[in-house]
Amino acid sequence: MAQSSAAARARAPVPARRAILWKKALPYLLIAPSLAVFLVFEIYPIFYSLYLSFTKWNLLSPVKTFVGLENYALLFTSEEFLKALWHTVVFTLGRVVGSMAIALGLALLLNTQKRWVSWVQASIFSPHIVSMVSISMLWLWLMDPTHGLLNYLLGLVGLPPSRWLADTETALMSVILVAVWKAIGYDMVIFLSGLQAIPEELYEAAKIDGANPWHRFWHITFPLLSPTTFFLSVTSVIASFQVFDSVNVMTGGGPADSTTVLVYYIYQYGFRFFKIGQATAASTVLFIIILILTLLQFKFMEKRVHYD
């Protein structure tokens, strides 16, 4: 059959063969522009950055000196880099756990058909659509040690004022607070969509069996929300490890480098100190960390995902 079909194609007139070839090539021609853009602006920079991580270059000189693993050795013996890595881990834990826990609680409270609920949901979600730079500028005023609204409110209830972003003990927690406040709305909407997909019949059957609200949450709601929780945990961890805007606007990595995170460290070494080799080595390490964490989440969390 294969030989006969090949023979038939060979006997086909030239225009017919051209039409067949054109039909086969058309899908590849259609995706070629997008593929070219992807290769030039996504794949090539990744490999070029990896190459630069093995060199010593100041961004201005045409000469790139190959130094092997020296940049990576400098990273893991640098207290500044290790502190930035630790700050990133702390930020990620605080942002992911804080926003998802609060968002789940709000989603459970607002999972109702009452008319006023939509207004509350919109109010909570609205910070998500505002740029991080604008939100950071707003919170700079709210956290001002002298004239900030937060310290004024603390004074009203008899609590001492806080230095917020100006204190090494509270600066990172303050940045985490802002990130959590911005992320709650998005996480809440995703949890709400997950809650509304759970069949009501399961709750009715559980009530008949005498299950209290806690048992219904723990044995029905939480397991069936696992796909939503899995999605949010993966995307939130990836986004949190790449935090930059809020740190750049609110603290500039200070005070005393107490809020310097990995991306801000890369920015400093790349565009302030012009040590491109160390900056790209740090970005490679960041890429590997995010990749490993994502793979671990898929390996260990996906097993606990339950689909209705």
Protein backbone atom coordinates (compact mmCIF):
# COMPACT_ATOMS: atom_id res chain seq x y z
CA MET A 1 0.00 0.00 0.00
CA ALA A 2 2.83 2.40 0.91
CA GLN A 3 4.60 1.69 -2.38
CA SER A 4 1.41 2.17 -4.35
CA SER A 5 0.62 5.51 -2.66
CA ALA A 6 4.20 6.69 -3.25
CA ALA A 7 3.88 5.66 -6.87
CA ALA A 8 0.58 7.52 -7.12
CA ARG A 9 2.17 10.69 -5.76
CA ALA A 10 5.04 10.29 -8.20
CA ARG A 11 2.57 9.96 -11.11
CA ALA A 12 0.59 13.01 -9.91
CA PRO A 13 1.00 16.17 -12.01
CA VAL A 14 3.47 18.79 -10.84
CA PRO A 15 0.79 21.30 -9.62
CA ALA A 16 -0.84 18.57 -7.53
CA ARG A 17 2.50 17.64 -5.91
CA ARG A 18 3.17 21.30 -5.16
CA ALA A 19 -0.24 21.59 -3.55
CA ILE A 20 0.49 18.57 -1.34
CA LEU A 21 3.88 19.98 -0.30
CA TRP A 22 2.35 23.41 0.37
CA LYS A 23 -0.37 21.84 2.53
CA LYS A 24 2.27 20.05 4.60
CA ALA A 25 4.51 23.11 4.94
CA LEU A 26 1.75 25.62 5.73
CA PRO A 27 1.47 24.87 9.51
CA TYR A 28 5.22 25.30 9.93
CA LEU A 29 5.18 28.56 7.99
CA LEU A 30 2.36 29.88 10.16
CA ILE A 31 4.19 29.22 13.42
CA ALA A 32 7.57 30.34 12.06
CA PRO A 33 7.24 34.04 13.10
CA SER A 34 6.22 33.17 16.66
CA LEU A 35 8.89 30.50 16.86
CA ALA A 36 11.54 32.96 15.63
CA VAL A 37 10.51 35.54 18.25
CA PHE A 38 10.56 32.85 20.96
CA LEU A 39 14.02 31.66 19.96
CA VAL A 40 15.48 35.18 19.71
CA PHE A 41 13.94 36.70 22.83
CA GLU A 42 13.57 33.68 25.12
CA ILE A 43 15.89 30.80 24.31
CA TYR A 44 18.92 32.72 23.03
CA PRO A 45 19.08 35.06 26.11
CA ILE A 46 18.99 32.05 28.44
CA PHE A 47 21.99 30.40 26.82
CA TYR A 48 23.84 33.69 26.37
CA SER A 49 23.29 34.48 30.06
CA LEU A 50 24.65 31.05 30.94
CA TYR A 51 27.73 31.78 28.82
CA LEU A 52 28.23 35.16 30.51
CA SER A 53 28.13 33.50 33.93
CA PHE A 54 31.49 31.90 33.08
CA THR A 55 33.10 35.21 32.13
CA LYS A 56 34.31 38.43 33.69
CA TRP A 57 32.76 41.42 31.93
CA ASN A 58 31.90 44.99 32.94
CA LEU A 59 29.17 45.52 30.30
CA LEU A 60 31.15 48.32 28.59
CA SER A 61 34.32 46.59 27.48
CA PRO A 62 34.19 44.48 24.27
CA VAL A 63 36.45 41.91 25.97
CA LYS A 64 34.87 39.07 27.94
CA THR A 65 37.42 37.11 29.97
CA PHE A 66 36.60 33.44 30.54
CA VAL A 67 36.96 32.60 34.26
CA GLY A 68 35.24 29.22 34.48
CA LEU A 69 33.40 28.59 37.76
CA GLU A 70 34.97 31.53 39.56
CA ASN A 71 31.74 33.55 39.60
CA TYR A 72 29.83 30.66 41.16
CA ALA A 73 32.56 30.16 43.76
CA LEU A 74 32.34 33.86 44.63
CA LEU A 75 28.57 33.58 45.04
CA PHE A 76 28.57 30.72 47.51
CA THR A 77 31.36 32.25 49.57
CA SER A 78 29.67 35.67 49.61
CA GLU A 79 27.76 36.52 52.78
CA GLU A 80 25.79 39.12 50.81
CA PHE A 81 24.50 36.53 48.32
CA LEU A 82 23.63 34.01 51.03
CA LYS A 83 21.72 36.71 52.94
CA ALA A 84 19.84 37.62 49.76
CA LEU A 85 18.97 33.97 49.24
CA TRP A 86 17.74 33.64 52.83
CA HIS A 87 15.65 36.83 52.54
CA THR A 88 14.09 35.45 49.36
CA VAL A 89 13.17 32.19 51.09
CA VAL A 90 11.64 34.06 54.05
CA PHE A 91 9.73 36.37 51.71
CA THR A 92 8.41 33.43 49.70
CA LEU A 93 7.22 31.52 52.78
CA GLY A 94 5.53 34.59 54.25
CA ARG A 95 3.92 35.69 51.01
CA VAL A 96 2.70 32.25 49.87
CA VAL A 97 1.43 30.97 53.23
CA GLY A 98 0.01 34.33 54.32
CA SER A 99 -1.87 35.20 51.14
CA MET A 100 -3.22 31.70 50.52
CA ALA A 101 -4.40 31.19 54.12
CA ILE A 102 -6.18 34.56 54.30
CA ALA A 103 -7.58 34.19 50.78
CA LEU A 104 -9.03 30.76 51.60
CA GLY A 105 -10.70 32.14 54.72
CA LEU A 106 -12.19 35.04 52.77
CA ALA A 107 -13.33 32.73 49.98
CA LEU A 108 -15.17 30.53 52.50
CA LEU A 109 -16.85 33.59 54.02
CA LEU A 110 -17.81 35.12 50.68
CA ASN A 111 -18.97 31.91 48.96
CA THR A 112 -22.60 32.97 49.02
CA GLN A 113 -25.17 34.37 46.60
CA LYS A 114 -26.03 37.48 48.63
CA ARG A 115 -26.11 40.71 46.63
CA TRP A 116 -23.56 42.65 48.67
CA VAL A 117 -20.91 39.93 48.35
CA SER A 118 -19.94 40.91 44.79
CA TRP A 119 -19.02 44.41 45.99
CA VAL A 120 -16.84 43.03 48.75
CA GLN A 121 -15.16 40.61 46.33
CA ALA A 122 -14.45 43.44 43.89
CA SER A 123 -12.98 45.60 46.67
CA ILE A 124 -10.66 42.83 47.83
CA PHE A 125 -9.62 41.96 44.28
CA SER A 126 -8.95 45.56 43.17
CA PRO A 127 -5.34 45.77 44.54
CA HIS A 128 -4.36 42.93 42.21
CA ILE A 129 -4.99 45.03 39.08
CA VAL A 130 -2.95 47.99 40.38
CA SER A 131 0.76 48.04 39.54
CA MET A 132 3.18 47.02 42.28
CA VAL A 133 5.01 50.34 41.94
CA SER A 134 1.83 52.32 42.70
CA ILE A 135 0.98 50.08 45.64
CA SER A 136 4.52 50.40 46.99
CA MET A 137 4.29 54.20 46.84
CA LEU A 138 0.98 54.07 48.73
CA TRP A 139 2.38 51.84 51.46
CA LEU A 140 5.47 54.03 51.78
CA TRP A 141 3.13 56.75 53.04
CA LEU A 142 1.08 54.37 55.20
CA MET A 143 4.27 53.08 56.87
CA ASP A 144 5.96 56.42 57.34
CA PRO A 145 7.38 56.33 60.92
CA THR A 146 6.43 59.94 61.63
CA HIS A 147 3.31 60.76 59.63
CA GLY A 148 2.08 57.36 58.50
CA LEU A 149 -1.52 56.24 58.93
CA LEU A 150 -0.55 52.87 60.43
CA ASN A 151 1.32 54.43 63.33
CA TYR A 152 -1.58 56.82 63.86
CA LEU A 153 -3.97 53.85 64.14
CA LEU A 154 -1.57 52.09 66.50
CA GLY A 155 -1.59 55.18 68.69
CA LEU A 156 -5.38 55.17 68.83
CA VAL A 157 -5.39 51.72 70.44
CA GLY A 158 -2.52 52.52 72.79
CA LEU A 159 0.24 50.61 70.97
CA PRO A 160 3.74 52.02 70.42
CA PRO A 161 4.65 53.20 66.91
CA SER A 162 6.77 51.05 64.62
CA ARG A 163 9.57 52.10 62.32
CA TRP A 164 8.29 49.61 59.72
CA LEU A 165 10.62 49.93 56.70
CA ALA A 166 13.31 51.86 58.59
CA ASP A 167 14.10 49.04 61.05
CA THR A 168 16.14 45.98 60.13
CA GLU A 169 13.91 43.84 62.36
CA THR A 170 10.65 44.81 60.65
CA ALA A 171 11.57 45.91 57.12
CA LEU A 172 11.31 42.50 55.44
CA MET A 173 8.08 41.68 57.28
CA SER A 174 6.67 45.01 56.09
CA VAL A 175 7.49 44.17 52.47
CA ILE A 176 5.87 40.75 52.94
CA LEU A 177 2.76 42.45 54.36
CA VAL A 178 2.41 44.57 51.22
CA ALA A 179 2.90 41.55 48.94
CA VAL A 180 0.28 39.56 50.86
CA TRP A 181 -2.20 42.46 50.72
CA LYS A 182 -1.80 42.69 46.94
CA ALA A 183 -2.05 38.93 46.32
CA ILE A 184 -5.05 38.15 48.54
CA GLY A 185 -7.64 39.28 45.99
CA TYR A 186 -6.34 37.10 43.16
CA ASP A 187 -5.93 34.05 45.41
CA MET A 188 -9.43 34.57 46.82
CA VAL A 189 -11.02 34.64 43.36
CA ILE A 190 -9.23 31.42 42.37
CA PHE A 191 -10.33 29.73 45.61
CA LEU A 192 -13.90 30.94 45.02
CA SER A 193 -13.96 29.35 41.59
CA GLY A 194 -12.73 26.11 43.15
CA LEU A 195 -15.35 26.24 45.90
CA GLN A 196 -18.18 26.84 43.43
CA ALA A 197 -17.11 23.79 41.44
CA ILE A 198 -17.66 21.46 44.42
CA PRO A 199 -21.06 19.69 44.11
CA GLU A 200 -23.55 20.79 46.75
CA GLU A 201 -24.82 17.21 47.02
CA LEU A 202 -21.64 16.21 48.84
CA TYR A 203 -22.33 18.73 51.62
CA GLU A 204 -25.97 17.66 51.87
CA ALA A 205 -24.95 14.01 52.22
CA ALA A 206 -22.38 14.93 54.87
CA LYS A 207 -24.99 16.91 56.85
CA ILE A 208 -27.32 13.93 56.77
CA ASP A 209 -24.49 11.79 58.15
CA GLY A 210 -24.06 14.26 61.01
CA ALA A 211 -20.80 15.96 59.89
CA ASN A 212 -20.16 19.33 61.53
CA PRO A 213 -18.73 22.33 59.59
CA TRP A 214 -15.14 21.45 60.46
CA HIS A 215 -15.55 17.86 59.28
CA ARG A 216 -17.20 19.06 56.04
CA PHE A 217 -14.29 21.43 55.41
CA TRP A 218 -11.55 18.93 56.25
CA HIS A 219 -13.02 15.90 54.45
CA ILE A 220 -14.81 17.56 51.50
CA THR A 221 -13.80 21.15 50.85
CA PHE A 222 -10.07 20.96 51.47
CA PRO A 223 -9.44 17.74 49.47
CA LEU A 224 -11.52 18.94 46.51
CA LEU A 225 -9.72 22.28 46.57
CA SER A 226 -6.37 20.53 46.13
CA PRO A 227 -6.12 21.30 42.36
CA THR A 228 -6.67 24.99 43.14
CA THR A 229 -4.23 24.93 46.05
CA PHE A 230 -1.66 23.16 43.88
CA PHE A 231 -1.98 25.73 41.10
CA LEU A 232 -1.72 28.70 43.46
CA SER A 233 1.22 27.27 45.38
CA VAL A 234 3.27 26.67 42.22
CA THR A 235 2.56 30.05 40.64
CA SER A 236 2.98 31.92 43.93
CA VAL A 237 6.36 30.35 44.70
CA ILE A 238 7.64 31.19 41.21
CA ALA A 239 6.40 34.79 41.47
CA SER A 240 7.72 35.26 45.02
CA PHE A 241 11.23 34.16 44.14
CA GLN A 242 11.24 36.88 41.47
CA VAL A 243 10.15 39.73 43.74
CA PHE A 244 11.79 43.02 42.79
CA ASP A 245 9.46 46.01 42.33
CA SER A 246 8.35 46.40 45.94
CA VAL A 247 11.90 46.05 47.28
CA ASN A 248 13.29 48.49 44.74
CA VAL A 249 10.66 51.15 45.45
CA MET A 250 10.14 50.75 49.20
CA THR A 251 13.55 49.91 50.65
CA GLY A 252 16.23 49.76 47.97
CA GLY A 253 17.44 46.60 49.67
CA GLY A 254 17.92 48.34 53.01
CA PRO A 255 18.18 49.13 55.76
CA ALA A 256 21.60 47.46 56.04
CA ASP A 257 20.71 44.98 53.25
CA SER A 258 17.93 43.51 55.40
CA THR A 259 15.52 43.37 52.43
CA THR A 260 17.95 42.51 49.63
CA VAL A 261 16.47 39.58 47.70
CA LEU A 262 17.94 37.58 44.83
CA VAL A 263 16.54 39.59 41.92
CA TYR A 264 17.54 42.86 43.57
CA TYR A 265 21.01 41.40 44.16
CA ILE A 266 21.20 40.53 40.43
CA TYR A 267 20.07 44.04 39.52
CA GLN A 268 22.70 45.62 41.76
CA TYR A 269 25.61 43.56 40.46
CA GLY A 270 24.49 43.85 36.85
CA PHE A 271 23.49 47.51 36.52
CA ARG A 272 25.14 49.27 39.46
CA PHE A 273 28.42 47.45 39.96
CA PHE A 274 28.70 46.28 36.31
CA LYS A 275 29.80 42.79 37.38
CA ILE A 276 27.88 40.97 34.69
CA GLY A 277 29.53 37.61 35.36
CA GLN A 278 28.39 37.50 38.99
CA ALA A 279 24.95 38.85 38.10
CA THR A 280 24.33 36.21 35.43
CA ALA A 281 25.73 33.48 37.70
CA ALA A 282 23.22 34.56 40.37
CA SER A 283 20.41 34.56 37.78
CA THR A 284 21.40 31.02 36.74
CA VAL A 285 21.29 29.89 40.38
CA LEU A 286 17.87 31.53 40.74
CA PHE A 287 16.62 29.71 37.63
CA ILE A 288 17.87 26.37 38.98
CA ILE A 289 16.26 26.98 42.39
CA ILE A 290 12.88 27.83 40.84
CA LEU A 291 13.11 24.80 38.55
CA ILE A 292 13.93 22.45 41.43
CA LEU A 293 11.17 23.84 43.65
CA THR A 294 8.63 23.54 40.85
CA LEU A 295 9.62 19.95 40.10
CA LEU A 296 9.45 19.08 43.81
CA GLN A 297 5.99 20.61 44.09
CA PHE A 298 4.81 18.61 41.09
CA LYS A 299 6.31 15.41 42.50
CA PHE A 300 5.04 15.63 46.07
CA MET A 301 1.92 17.82 45.86
CA GLU A 302 0.38 16.45 42.67
CA LYS A 303 -0.07 13.07 44.38
CA ARG A 304 -2.44 14.74 46.84
CA VAL A 305 -4.54 16.40 44.16
CA HIS A 306 -8.09 15.05 43.99
CA TYR A 307 -10.39 15.71 41.03
CA ASP A 308 -14.13 15.41 41.39
